[in-house]
Each structure stands twice: as C-alpha cells, then as structure tokens.
Amino acid sequence: MSTLRRQLAERRKQLLSQTQAQRDVIAEHGRQLKQSMQFADLGLQVARQVKKQPAIGIGFAIATIIIKPGRMWRLLKTGLVAWNLWQNLAPVLKNAAAPKRD
C-alpha cells in the first residue's frame, strides 16, 4: 500500500508541475496578446483623432511630401521603437520609484 501512495504522490507532483508550466505558458500568451491589443488600440485612437480632425491627416500627408517618404518612415519607426521602449520601461521605473514599505 505504501508504494501505491508513493506512486500517487509522485504522480500528483508531476501533474502539479505540468499544471504550473501550462499556467505560465498561458500567462505569457496573455501578456503578448495584451501588448498586441494595446498597439492595435493605439492605432484605433490615432484613426479616430484623424477622423475627428482631418487637419492631422492633411498635415501628415504634407509632412510626408516635404520630408520625403523614406525619411518619414524612418522617423515613424524610431517613434514606434521609442514608444515601445517606454511601454516596457514605464512599469519598471514606476516600481523602482515606489516607496518601499518595511
């Protein structure tokens, strides 16, 4: 009987570790999905602003013509990288600046 209990206990440990691994995978997928949805939401907010204020779209078009499309694309990519970096660093900086309670 004790070997059966040992086997059951070992099986339980395996199942618990598998469950935790699956939870970790699901949590990571959730974080990635959340980040993707935030990016899509940003795009929708920009589109809504352009729809409300067409001057923004016209200004963007004029700026693209003046600055040249290639250079404008590089500026947009740089801005996107900076925004993405801020999105990743802001929580870390917020946690670092939070007062520590003992």
N, C-alpha and C. Protein backbone atom coordinates (compact mmCIF):
# COMPACT_ATOMS: atom_id res chain seq x y z
N MET A 1 0.82 -1.20 0.00
CA MET A 1 0.00 0.00 0.00
C MET A 1 0.86 1.26 0.00
N SER A 2 1.99 1.23 0.68
CA SER A 2 2.83 2.42 0.74
C SER A 2 3.44 2.75 -0.62
N THR A 3 3.71 1.73 -1.44
CA THR A 3 4.25 2.01 -2.78
C THR A 3 3.18 2.69 -3.64
N LEU A 4 1.94 2.28 -3.48
CA LEU A 4 0.86 2.91 -4.21
C LEU A 4 0.72 4.38 -3.80
N ARG A 5 0.82 4.65 -2.51
CA ARG A 5 0.75 6.03 -2.03
C ARG A 5 1.90 6.86 -2.57
N ARG A 6 3.07 6.26 -2.59
CA ARG A 6 4.25 6.94 -3.12
C ARG A 6 4.07 7.25 -4.60
N GLN A 7 3.56 6.28 -5.33
CA GLN A 7 3.33 6.48 -6.76
C GLN A 7 2.29 7.58 -6.99
N LEU A 8 1.22 7.53 -6.18
CA LEU A 8 0.19 8.56 -6.31
C LEU A 8 0.75 9.94 -5.96
N ALA A 9 1.55 10.01 -4.91
CA ALA A 9 2.15 11.29 -4.52
C ALA A 9 3.07 11.81 -5.62
N GLU A 10 3.86 10.91 -6.21
CA GLU A 10 4.76 11.31 -7.29
C GLU A 10 3.96 11.78 -8.51
N ARG A 11 2.90 11.06 -8.84
CA ARG A 11 2.05 11.45 -9.97
C ARG A 11 1.40 12.81 -9.71
N ARG A 12 0.99 13.04 -8.47
CA ARG A 12 0.39 14.32 -8.10
C ARG A 12 1.39 15.45 -8.30
N LYS A 13 2.64 15.22 -7.88
CA LYS A 13 3.68 16.24 -8.06
C LYS A 13 3.90 16.53 -9.54
N GLN A 14 3.93 15.49 -10.36
CA GLN A 14 4.11 15.67 -11.80
C GLN A 14 2.96 16.48 -12.39
N LEU A 15 1.75 16.13 -12.00
CA LEU A 15 0.59 16.84 -12.52
C LEU A 15 0.58 18.30 -12.08
N LEU A 16 0.96 18.55 -10.83
CA LEU A 16 1.02 19.93 -10.35
C LEU A 16 2.08 20.73 -11.09
N SER A 17 3.22 20.12 -11.36
CA SER A 17 4.27 20.84 -12.09
C SER A 17 3.84 21.08 -13.54
N GLN A 18 3.16 20.12 -14.15
CA GLN A 18 2.65 20.32 -15.51
C GLN A 18 1.61 21.44 -15.53
N THR A 19 0.75 21.45 -14.54
CA THR A 19 -0.28 22.48 -14.45
C THR A 19 0.35 23.85 -14.32
N GLN A 20 1.37 23.97 -13.49
CA GLN A 20 2.04 25.26 -13.31
C GLN A 20 2.73 25.70 -14.59
N ALA A 21 3.35 24.75 -15.29
CA ALA A 21 4.00 25.08 -16.56
C ALA A 21 2.97 25.57 -17.57
N GLN A 22 1.82 24.92 -17.61
CA GLN A 22 0.76 25.34 -18.53
C GLN A 22 0.24 26.72 -18.15
N ARG A 23 0.11 26.98 -16.87
CA ARG A 23 -0.34 28.32 -16.43
C ARG A 23 0.66 29.39 -16.85
N ASP A 24 1.94 29.07 -16.72
CA ASP A 24 2.98 30.03 -17.12
C ASP A 24 2.90 30.32 -18.61
N VAL A 25 2.69 29.27 -19.42
CA VAL A 25 2.60 29.45 -20.87
C VAL A 25 1.38 30.31 -21.21
N ILE A 26 0.25 30.01 -20.58
CA ILE A 26 -0.97 30.77 -20.84
C ILE A 26 -0.79 32.23 -20.41
N ALA A 27 -0.14 32.45 -19.28
CA ALA A 27 0.09 33.82 -18.82
C ALA A 27 0.98 34.58 -19.80
N GLU A 28 2.00 33.93 -20.34
CA GLU A 28 2.87 34.58 -21.31
C GLU A 28 2.10 34.92 -22.59
N HIS A 29 1.28 34.01 -23.04
CA HIS A 29 0.46 34.29 -24.22
C HIS A 29 -0.49 35.45 -23.94
N GLY A 30 -1.03 35.50 -22.74
CA GLY A 30 -1.91 36.61 -22.37
C GLY A 30 -1.19 37.94 -22.38
N ARG A 31 0.05 37.96 -21.88
CA ARG A 31 0.84 39.20 -21.89
C ARG A 31 1.12 39.64 -23.33
N GLN A 32 1.47 38.69 -24.19
CA GLN A 32 1.74 39.03 -25.59
C GLN A 32 0.48 39.55 -26.27
N LEU A 33 -0.64 38.91 -26.00
CA LEU A 33 -1.90 39.35 -26.59
C LEU A 33 -2.27 40.74 -26.09
N LYS A 34 -2.06 40.99 -24.80
CA LYS A 34 -2.36 42.31 -24.25
C LYS A 34 -1.52 43.39 -24.92
N GLN A 35 -0.24 43.09 -25.13
CA GLN A 35 0.64 44.07 -25.77
C GLN A 35 0.20 44.32 -27.21
N SER A 36 -0.18 43.26 -27.91
CA SER A 36 -0.66 43.43 -29.28
C SER A 36 -1.94 44.25 -29.31
N MET A 37 -2.82 43.99 -28.38
CA MET A 37 -4.08 44.72 -28.34
C MET A 37 -3.86 46.20 -27.99
N GLN A 38 -2.88 46.47 -27.15
CA GLN A 38 -2.57 47.87 -26.83
C GLN A 38 -2.08 48.60 -28.08
N PHE A 39 -1.28 47.93 -28.87
CA PHE A 39 -0.78 48.53 -30.11
C PHE A 39 -1.93 48.78 -31.07
N ALA A 40 -2.83 47.80 -31.20
CA ALA A 40 -3.99 47.97 -32.08
C ALA A 40 -4.88 49.10 -31.56
N ASP A 41 -5.03 49.20 -30.25
CA ASP A 41 -5.83 50.26 -29.66
C ASP A 41 -5.23 51.63 -29.96
N LEU A 42 -3.91 51.71 -29.91
CA LEU A 42 -3.24 52.97 -30.25
C LEU A 42 -3.54 53.35 -31.69
N GLY A 43 -3.49 52.38 -32.59
CA GLY A 43 -3.81 52.65 -33.99
C GLY A 43 -5.24 53.15 -34.15
N LEU A 44 -6.17 52.54 -33.42
CA LEU A 44 -7.56 52.99 -33.48
C LEU A 44 -7.72 54.40 -32.94
N GLN A 45 -7.01 54.71 -31.86
CA GLN A 45 -7.09 56.06 -31.30
C GLN A 45 -6.57 57.09 -32.30
N VAL A 46 -5.48 56.76 -32.97
CA VAL A 46 -4.93 57.67 -33.99
C VAL A 46 -5.94 57.84 -35.11
N ALA A 47 -6.53 56.73 -35.56
CA ALA A 47 -7.52 56.82 -36.65
C ALA A 47 -8.73 57.66 -36.24
N ARG A 48 -9.17 57.51 -35.00
CA ARG A 48 -10.31 58.30 -34.52
C ARG A 48 -9.96 59.79 -34.47
N GLN A 49 -8.74 60.11 -34.03
CA GLN A 49 -8.33 61.51 -33.98
C GLN A 49 -8.26 62.11 -35.38
N VAL A 50 -7.74 61.33 -36.32
CA VAL A 50 -7.66 61.82 -37.71
C VAL A 50 -9.06 62.02 -38.27
N LYS A 51 -9.98 61.11 -37.91
CA LYS A 51 -11.36 61.25 -38.38
C LYS A 51 -12.02 62.49 -37.78
N LYS A 52 -11.75 62.75 -36.49
CA LYS A 52 -12.32 63.93 -35.83
C LYS A 52 -11.70 65.22 -36.34
N GLN A 53 -10.39 65.17 -36.58
CA GLN A 53 -9.66 66.37 -37.00
C GLN A 53 -8.90 66.05 -38.29
N PRO A 54 -9.53 66.20 -39.42
CA PRO A 54 -8.88 65.86 -40.69
C PRO A 54 -7.59 66.65 -40.94
N ALA A 55 -7.43 67.75 -40.26
CA ALA A 55 -6.20 68.55 -40.44
C ALA A 55 -4.97 67.75 -40.05
N ILE A 56 -5.14 66.82 -39.10
CA ILE A 56 -4.00 65.98 -38.70
C ILE A 56 -3.56 65.12 -39.87
N GLY A 57 -4.51 64.49 -40.54
CA GLY A 57 -4.18 63.66 -41.71
C GLY A 57 -3.57 64.46 -42.83
N ILE A 58 -4.13 65.66 -43.07
CA ILE A 58 -3.59 66.53 -44.12
C ILE A 58 -2.18 66.97 -43.75
N GLY A 59 -1.98 67.31 -42.48
CA GLY A 59 -0.65 67.70 -42.02
C GLY A 59 0.35 66.57 -42.17
N PHE A 60 -0.09 65.36 -41.87
CA PHE A 60 0.79 64.20 -42.03
C PHE A 60 1.14 64.00 -43.49
N ALA A 61 0.15 64.14 -44.37
CA ALA A 61 0.41 63.98 -45.80
C ALA A 61 1.39 65.03 -46.31
N ILE A 62 1.19 66.28 -45.89
CA ILE A 62 2.09 67.36 -46.30
C ILE A 62 3.50 67.12 -45.75
N ALA A 63 3.57 66.71 -44.48
CA ALA A 63 4.88 66.43 -43.88
C ALA A 63 5.58 65.30 -44.63
N THR A 64 4.83 64.28 -45.05
CA THR A 64 5.42 63.18 -45.81
C THR A 64 5.98 63.66 -47.13
N ILE A 65 5.26 64.54 -47.78
CA ILE A 65 5.73 65.07 -49.07
C ILE A 65 6.98 65.93 -48.86
N ILE A 66 6.97 66.76 -47.83
CA ILE A 66 8.10 67.66 -47.58
C ILE A 66 9.33 66.89 -47.10
N ILE A 67 9.13 65.99 -46.16
CA ILE A 67 10.26 65.31 -45.53
C ILE A 67 10.79 64.16 -46.39
N LYS A 68 10.04 63.67 -47.31
CA LYS A 68 10.34 62.52 -48.16
C LYS A 68 9.84 61.26 -47.45
N PRO A 69 9.20 60.40 -48.19
CA PRO A 69 8.60 59.21 -47.59
C PRO A 69 9.59 58.30 -46.86
N GLY A 70 10.78 58.11 -47.41
CA GLY A 70 11.76 57.24 -46.77
C GLY A 70 12.19 57.76 -45.41
N ARG A 71 12.47 59.04 -45.35
CA ARG A 71 12.88 59.65 -44.09
C ARG A 71 11.72 59.65 -43.10
N MET A 72 10.51 59.92 -43.60
CA MET A 72 9.33 59.91 -42.73
C MET A 72 9.12 58.53 -42.14
N TRP A 73 9.30 57.49 -42.97
CA TRP A 73 9.15 56.11 -42.49
C TRP A 73 10.16 55.83 -41.38
N ARG A 74 11.40 56.28 -41.55
CA ARG A 74 12.41 56.08 -40.50
C ARG A 74 12.03 56.81 -39.22
N LEU A 75 11.50 58.03 -39.36
CA LEU A 75 11.07 58.78 -38.18
C LEU A 75 9.92 58.06 -37.46
N LEU A 76 8.98 57.54 -38.24
CA LEU A 76 7.87 56.80 -37.63
C LEU A 76 8.36 55.54 -36.92
N LYS A 77 9.29 54.83 -37.56
CA LYS A 77 9.83 53.62 -36.93
C LYS A 77 10.57 53.97 -35.64
N THR A 78 11.34 55.05 -35.67
CA THR A 78 12.05 55.49 -34.47
C THR A 78 11.07 55.85 -33.36
N GLY A 79 10.01 56.56 -33.73
CA GLY A 79 8.98 56.89 -32.74
C GLY A 79 8.31 55.67 -32.18
N LEU A 80 8.04 54.69 -33.03
CA LEU A 80 7.41 53.45 -32.57
C LEU A 80 8.34 52.69 -31.63
N VAL A 81 9.61 52.64 -31.96
CA VAL A 81 10.56 51.96 -31.08
C VAL A 81 10.65 52.68 -29.74
N ALA A 82 10.67 54.00 -29.76
CA ALA A 82 10.72 54.77 -28.52
C ALA A 82 9.46 54.55 -27.69
N TRP A 83 8.31 54.54 -28.35
CA TRP A 83 7.05 54.30 -27.63
C TRP A 83 7.02 52.90 -27.03
N ASN A 84 7.47 51.92 -27.80
CA ASN A 84 7.51 50.54 -27.30
C ASN A 84 8.48 50.42 -26.12
N LEU A 85 9.61 51.07 -26.21
CA LEU A 85 10.58 51.07 -25.11
C LEU A 85 9.97 51.70 -23.87
N TRP A 86 9.27 52.79 -24.03
CA TRP A 86 8.61 53.45 -22.91
C TRP A 86 7.56 52.53 -22.29
N GLN A 87 6.78 51.84 -23.11
CA GLN A 87 5.76 50.93 -22.61
C GLN A 87 6.38 49.82 -21.76
N ASN A 88 7.57 49.38 -22.15
CA ASN A 88 8.22 48.31 -21.40
C ASN A 88 8.94 48.82 -20.15
N LEU A 89 9.47 50.03 -20.22
CA LEU A 89 10.25 50.56 -19.10
C LEU A 89 9.40 51.28 -18.06
N ALA A 90 8.26 51.82 -18.44
CA ALA A 90 7.45 52.60 -17.51
C ALA A 90 7.06 51.80 -16.26
N PRO A 91 6.59 50.55 -16.38
CA PRO A 91 6.27 49.81 -15.16
C PRO A 91 7.48 49.56 -14.28
N VAL A 92 8.63 49.32 -14.90
CA VAL A 92 9.85 49.08 -14.12
C VAL A 92 10.25 50.34 -13.36
N LEU A 93 10.20 51.48 -14.05
CA LEU A 93 10.55 52.75 -13.41
C LEU A 93 9.54 53.10 -12.32
N LYS A 94 8.28 52.80 -12.55
CA LYS A 94 7.25 53.09 -11.56
C LYS A 94 7.49 52.25 -10.31
N ASN A 95 7.83 50.97 -10.48
CA ASN A 95 8.11 50.12 -9.34
C ASN A 95 9.37 50.54 -8.60
N ALA A 96 10.37 51.01 -9.35
CA ALA A 96 11.61 51.44 -8.72
C ALA A 96 11.41 52.71 -7.94
N ALA A 97 10.51 53.58 -8.40
CA ALA A 97 10.28 54.86 -7.73
C ALA A 97 9.31 54.74 -6.56
N ALA A 98 8.58 53.63 -6.50
CA ALA A 98 7.59 53.46 -5.42
C ALA A 98 8.31 53.34 -4.08
N PRO A 99 7.77 53.99 -3.04
CA PRO A 99 8.40 53.88 -1.73
C PRO A 99 8.30 52.46 -1.20
N LYS A 100 9.38 52.03 -0.61
CA LYS A 100 9.41 50.66 -0.07
C LYS A 100 8.87 50.66 1.35
N ARG A 101 8.01 49.71 1.61
CA ARG A 101 7.43 49.60 2.95
C ARG A 101 8.10 48.44 3.68
N ASP A 102 8.51 48.69 4.88
CA ASP A 102 9.15 47.63 5.68
C ASP A 102 8.23 47.13 6.75
